[in-house]
Amino acid sequence: MDAPRVKVPASVKAGEPFLIKVLAAHPMESGQRKDEATGARIPRKILNAFRCTLDGEEILRVTLHPAVSANPYLSFYATATQSGELRFEWTDDDGSVTTAKARFEVVP
């Protein structure tokens, strides 16, 4: 998987929700299509899980399925009372994990 794209505000207000956007560059092959040239089934290869933590505490966990389109995009809100680091993890069918991080500052 190519490096994911993550968008997190550089600064947020304490206790107020802020928007987080993530995009994973991944083909999300369902395993149900056939190669047109050979007729062979194209093996399944999907991201099956996404996880987001804030300073080590899980704030979101998502299970993904073959019906999810290529390059899955997720957006969600979080709140924080102090500055911190968000860590994002995508798990592939083969067990590989791709990660990204983003820091933000909380302002009064």
C-alpha atoms as a PDB file:
ATOM      1  CA  MET A   1       0.000   0.000   0.000  1.00  0.00           C
ATOM      2  CA  ASP A   2       1.231   3.487  -0.827  1.00  0.00           C
ATOM      3  CA  ALA A   3       1.590   6.021   1.971  1.00  0.00           C
ATOM      4  CA  PRO A   4      -1.860   6.998   3.270  1.00  0.00           C
ATOM      5  CA  ARG A   5      -3.020  10.602   3.298  1.00  0.00           C
ATOM      6  CA  VAL A   6      -4.090  12.081   6.618  1.00  0.00           C
ATOM      7  CA  LYS A   7      -5.643  15.483   7.261  1.00  0.00           C
ATOM      8  CA  VAL A   8      -5.780  16.751  10.851  1.00  0.00           C
ATOM      9  CA  PRO A   9      -6.016  20.413  11.912  1.00  0.00           C
ATOM     10  CA  ALA A  10      -2.744  21.815  13.270  1.00  0.00           C
ATOM     11  CA  SER A  11      -4.620  23.377  16.186  1.00  0.00           C
ATOM     12  CA  VAL A  12      -7.989  22.662  17.791  1.00  0.00           C
ATOM     13  CA  LYS A  13     -10.016  24.203  20.607  1.00  0.00           C
ATOM     14  CA  ALA A  14     -10.058  22.293  23.889  1.00  0.00           C
ATOM     15  CA  GLY A  15     -13.120  20.047  24.172  1.00  0.00           C
ATOM     16  CA  GLU A  16     -14.535  20.946  20.741  1.00  0.00           C
ATOM     17  CA  PRO A  17     -14.959  18.311  18.004  1.00  0.00           C
ATOM     18  CA  PHE A  18     -12.494  18.451  15.099  1.00  0.00           C
ATOM     19  CA  LEU A  19     -12.609  16.634  11.771  1.00  0.00           C
ATOM     20  CA  ILE A  20     -10.087  13.939  10.849  1.00  0.00           C
ATOM     21  CA  LYS A  21      -9.833  12.659   7.256  1.00  0.00           C
ATOM     22  CA  VAL A  22      -7.855   9.625   6.078  1.00  0.00           C
ATOM     23  CA  LEU A  23      -7.409   8.118   2.621  1.00  0.00           C
ATOM     24  CA  ALA A  24      -5.653   4.821   1.932  1.00  0.00           C
ATOM     25  CA  ALA A  25      -4.312   4.161  -1.585  1.00  0.00           C
ATOM     26  CA  HIS A  26      -5.296   0.493  -1.940  1.00  0.00           C
ATOM     27  CA  PRO A  27      -7.000  -1.506  -4.742  1.00  0.00           C
ATOM     28  CA  MET A  28      -9.404  -3.340  -2.363  1.00  0.00           C
ATOM     29  CA  GLU A  29      -9.683  -6.414  -4.603  1.00  0.00           C
ATOM     30  CA  SER A  30     -12.762  -8.401  -3.559  1.00  0.00           C
ATOM     31  CA  GLY A  31     -11.588 -11.777  -4.881  1.00  0.00           C
ATOM     32  CA  GLN A  32     -14.705 -12.147  -7.030  1.00  0.00           C
ATOM     33  CA  ARG A  33     -13.387 -10.733 -10.310  1.00  0.00           C
ATOM     34  CA  LYS A  34     -11.587 -12.677 -13.035  1.00  0.00           C
ATOM     35  CA  ASP A  35      -8.594 -11.606 -15.076  1.00  0.00           C
ATOM     36  CA  GLU A  36      -9.940 -10.883 -18.564  1.00  0.00           C
ATOM     37  CA  ALA A  37      -6.819 -12.234 -20.295  1.00  0.00           C
ATOM     38  CA  THR A  38      -6.480 -15.538 -18.432  1.00  0.00           C
ATOM     39  CA  GLY A  39      -9.890 -16.108 -16.860  1.00  0.00           C
ATOM     40  CA  ALA A  40      -8.175 -16.776 -13.522  1.00  0.00           C
ATOM     41  CA  ARG A  41      -9.771 -15.391 -10.403  1.00  0.00           C
ATOM     42  CA  ILE A  42      -7.972 -12.324  -9.038  1.00  0.00           C
ATOM     43  CA  PRO A  43      -7.083 -13.104  -5.392  1.00  0.00           C
ATOM     44  CA  ARG A  44      -8.776 -11.167  -2.609  1.00  0.00           C
ATOM     45  CA  LYS A  45      -6.649  -8.385  -1.133  1.00  0.00           C
ATOM     46  CA  ILE A  46      -8.451  -5.877   1.048  1.00  0.00           C
ATOM     47  CA  LEU A  47      -7.770  -3.676   4.006  1.00  0.00           C
ATOM     48  CA  ASN A  48      -9.874  -5.402   6.645  1.00  0.00           C
ATOM     49  CA  ALA A  49      -9.356  -3.103   9.635  1.00  0.00           C
ATOM     50  CA  PHE A  50      -8.663   0.524  10.507  1.00  0.00           C
ATOM     51  CA  ARG A  51      -7.721   1.790  13.943  1.00  0.00           C
ATOM     52  CA  CYS A  52      -7.052   5.271  15.318  1.00  0.00           C
ATOM     53  CA  THR A  53      -5.474   6.024  18.688  1.00  0.00           C
ATOM     54  CA  LEU A  54      -4.859   9.290  20.505  1.00  0.00           C
ATOM     55  CA  ASP A  55      -1.739   9.114  22.662  1.00  0.00           C
ATOM     56  CA  GLY A  56      -2.125   5.317  22.823  1.00  0.00           C
ATOM     57  CA  GLU A  57      -5.850   5.283  23.661  1.00  0.00           C
ATOM     58  CA  GLU A  58      -8.107   3.843  20.980  1.00  0.00           C
ATOM     59  CA  ILE A  59     -10.703   6.332  19.747  1.00  0.00           C
ATOM     60  CA  LEU A  60     -11.966   4.496  16.640  1.00  0.00           C
ATOM     61  CA  ARG A  61     -11.917   0.951  15.244  1.00  0.00           C
ATOM     62  CA  VAL A  62     -13.510   0.044  11.901  1.00  0.00           C
ATOM     63  CA  THR A  63     -13.932  -3.342  10.201  1.00  0.00           C
ATOM     64  CA  LEU A  64     -13.756  -3.113   6.407  1.00  0.00           C
ATOM     65  CA  HIS A  65     -15.325  -5.624   3.986  1.00  0.00           C
ATOM     66  CA  PRO A  66     -14.848  -6.533   0.297  1.00  0.00           C
ATOM     67  CA  ALA A  67     -17.718  -4.224  -0.734  1.00  0.00           C
ATOM     68  CA  VAL A  68     -15.659  -1.158   0.266  1.00  0.00           C
ATOM     69  CA  SER A  69     -14.384   0.662  -2.827  1.00  0.00           C
ATOM     70  CA  ALA A  70     -10.765   1.086  -3.823  1.00  0.00           C
ATOM     71  CA  ASN A  71      -8.817   3.781  -1.986  1.00  0.00           C
ATOM     72  CA  PRO A  72     -11.033   3.777   1.113  1.00  0.00           C
ATOM     73  CA  TYR A  73     -11.724   7.205   2.583  1.00  0.00           C
ATOM     74  CA  LEU A  74     -12.872   7.717   6.166  1.00  0.00           C
ATOM     75  CA  SER A  75     -13.752  10.887   8.023  1.00  0.00           C
ATOM     76  CA  PHE A  76     -14.701  11.194  11.670  1.00  0.00           C
ATOM     77  CA  TYR A  77     -14.697  13.624  14.571  1.00  0.00           C
ATOM     78  CA  ALA A  78     -12.698  13.536  17.790  1.00  0.00           C
ATOM     79  CA  THR A  79     -12.295  15.830  20.779  1.00  0.00           C
ATOM     80  CA  ALA A  80      -9.240  16.510  22.922  1.00  0.00           C
ATOM     81  CA  THR A  81      -8.469  18.482  26.053  1.00  0.00           C
ATOM     82  CA  GLN A  82      -4.705  18.488  25.546  1.00  0.00           C
ATOM     83  CA  SER A  83      -2.257  18.429  22.635  1.00  0.00           C
ATOM     84  CA  GLY A  84      -1.361  14.997  21.354  1.00  0.00           C
ATOM     85  CA  GLU A  85      -0.518  12.567  18.600  1.00  0.00           C
ATOM     86  CA  LEU A  86      -2.968  10.582  16.521  1.00  0.00           C
ATOM     87  CA  ARG A  87      -1.785   7.224  15.182  1.00  0.00           C
ATOM     88  CA  PHE A  88      -3.589   5.523  12.316  1.00  0.00           C
ATOM     89  CA  GLU A  89      -3.281   1.818  11.391  1.00  0.00           C
ATOM     90  CA  TRP A  90      -4.623  -0.041   8.362  1.00  0.00           C
ATOM     91  CA  THR A  91      -4.414  -3.860   8.426  1.00  0.00           C
ATOM     92  CA  ASP A  92      -4.300  -5.807   5.156  1.00  0.00           C
ATOM     93  CA  ASP A  93      -5.496  -9.375   4.530  1.00  0.00           C
ATOM     94  CA  ASP A  94      -1.900 -10.612   4.589  1.00  0.00           C
ATOM     95  CA  GLY A  95      -1.435  -9.227   8.110  1.00  0.00           C
ATOM     96  CA  SER A  96       0.719  -6.282   7.079  1.00  0.00           C
ATOM     97  CA  VAL A  97       0.021  -3.015   8.881  1.00  0.00           C
ATOM     98  CA  THR A  98       0.503   0.463   7.412  1.00  0.00           C
ATOM     99  CA  THR A  99       0.707   3.352   9.857  1.00  0.00           C
ATOM    100  CA  ALA A 100       0.637   7.127   9.801  1.00  0.00           C
ATOM    101  CA  LYS A 101       0.857   9.752  12.539  1.00  0.00           C
ATOM    102  CA  ALA A 102      -0.313  13.332  12.981  1.00  0.00           C
ATOM    103  CA  ARG A 103       0.221  15.817  15.825  1.00  0.00           C
ATOM    104  CA  PHE A 104      -2.090  18.634  16.817  1.00  0.00           C
ATOM    105  CA  GLU A 105      -2.022  21.391  19.418  1.00  0.00           C
ATOM    106  CA  VAL A 106      -4.907  22.256  21.703  1.00  0.00           C
ATOM    107  CA  VAL A 107      -5.496  25.986  22.141  1.00  0.00           C
ATOM    108  CA  PRO A 108      -7.736  27.665  24.736  1.00  0.00           C
END
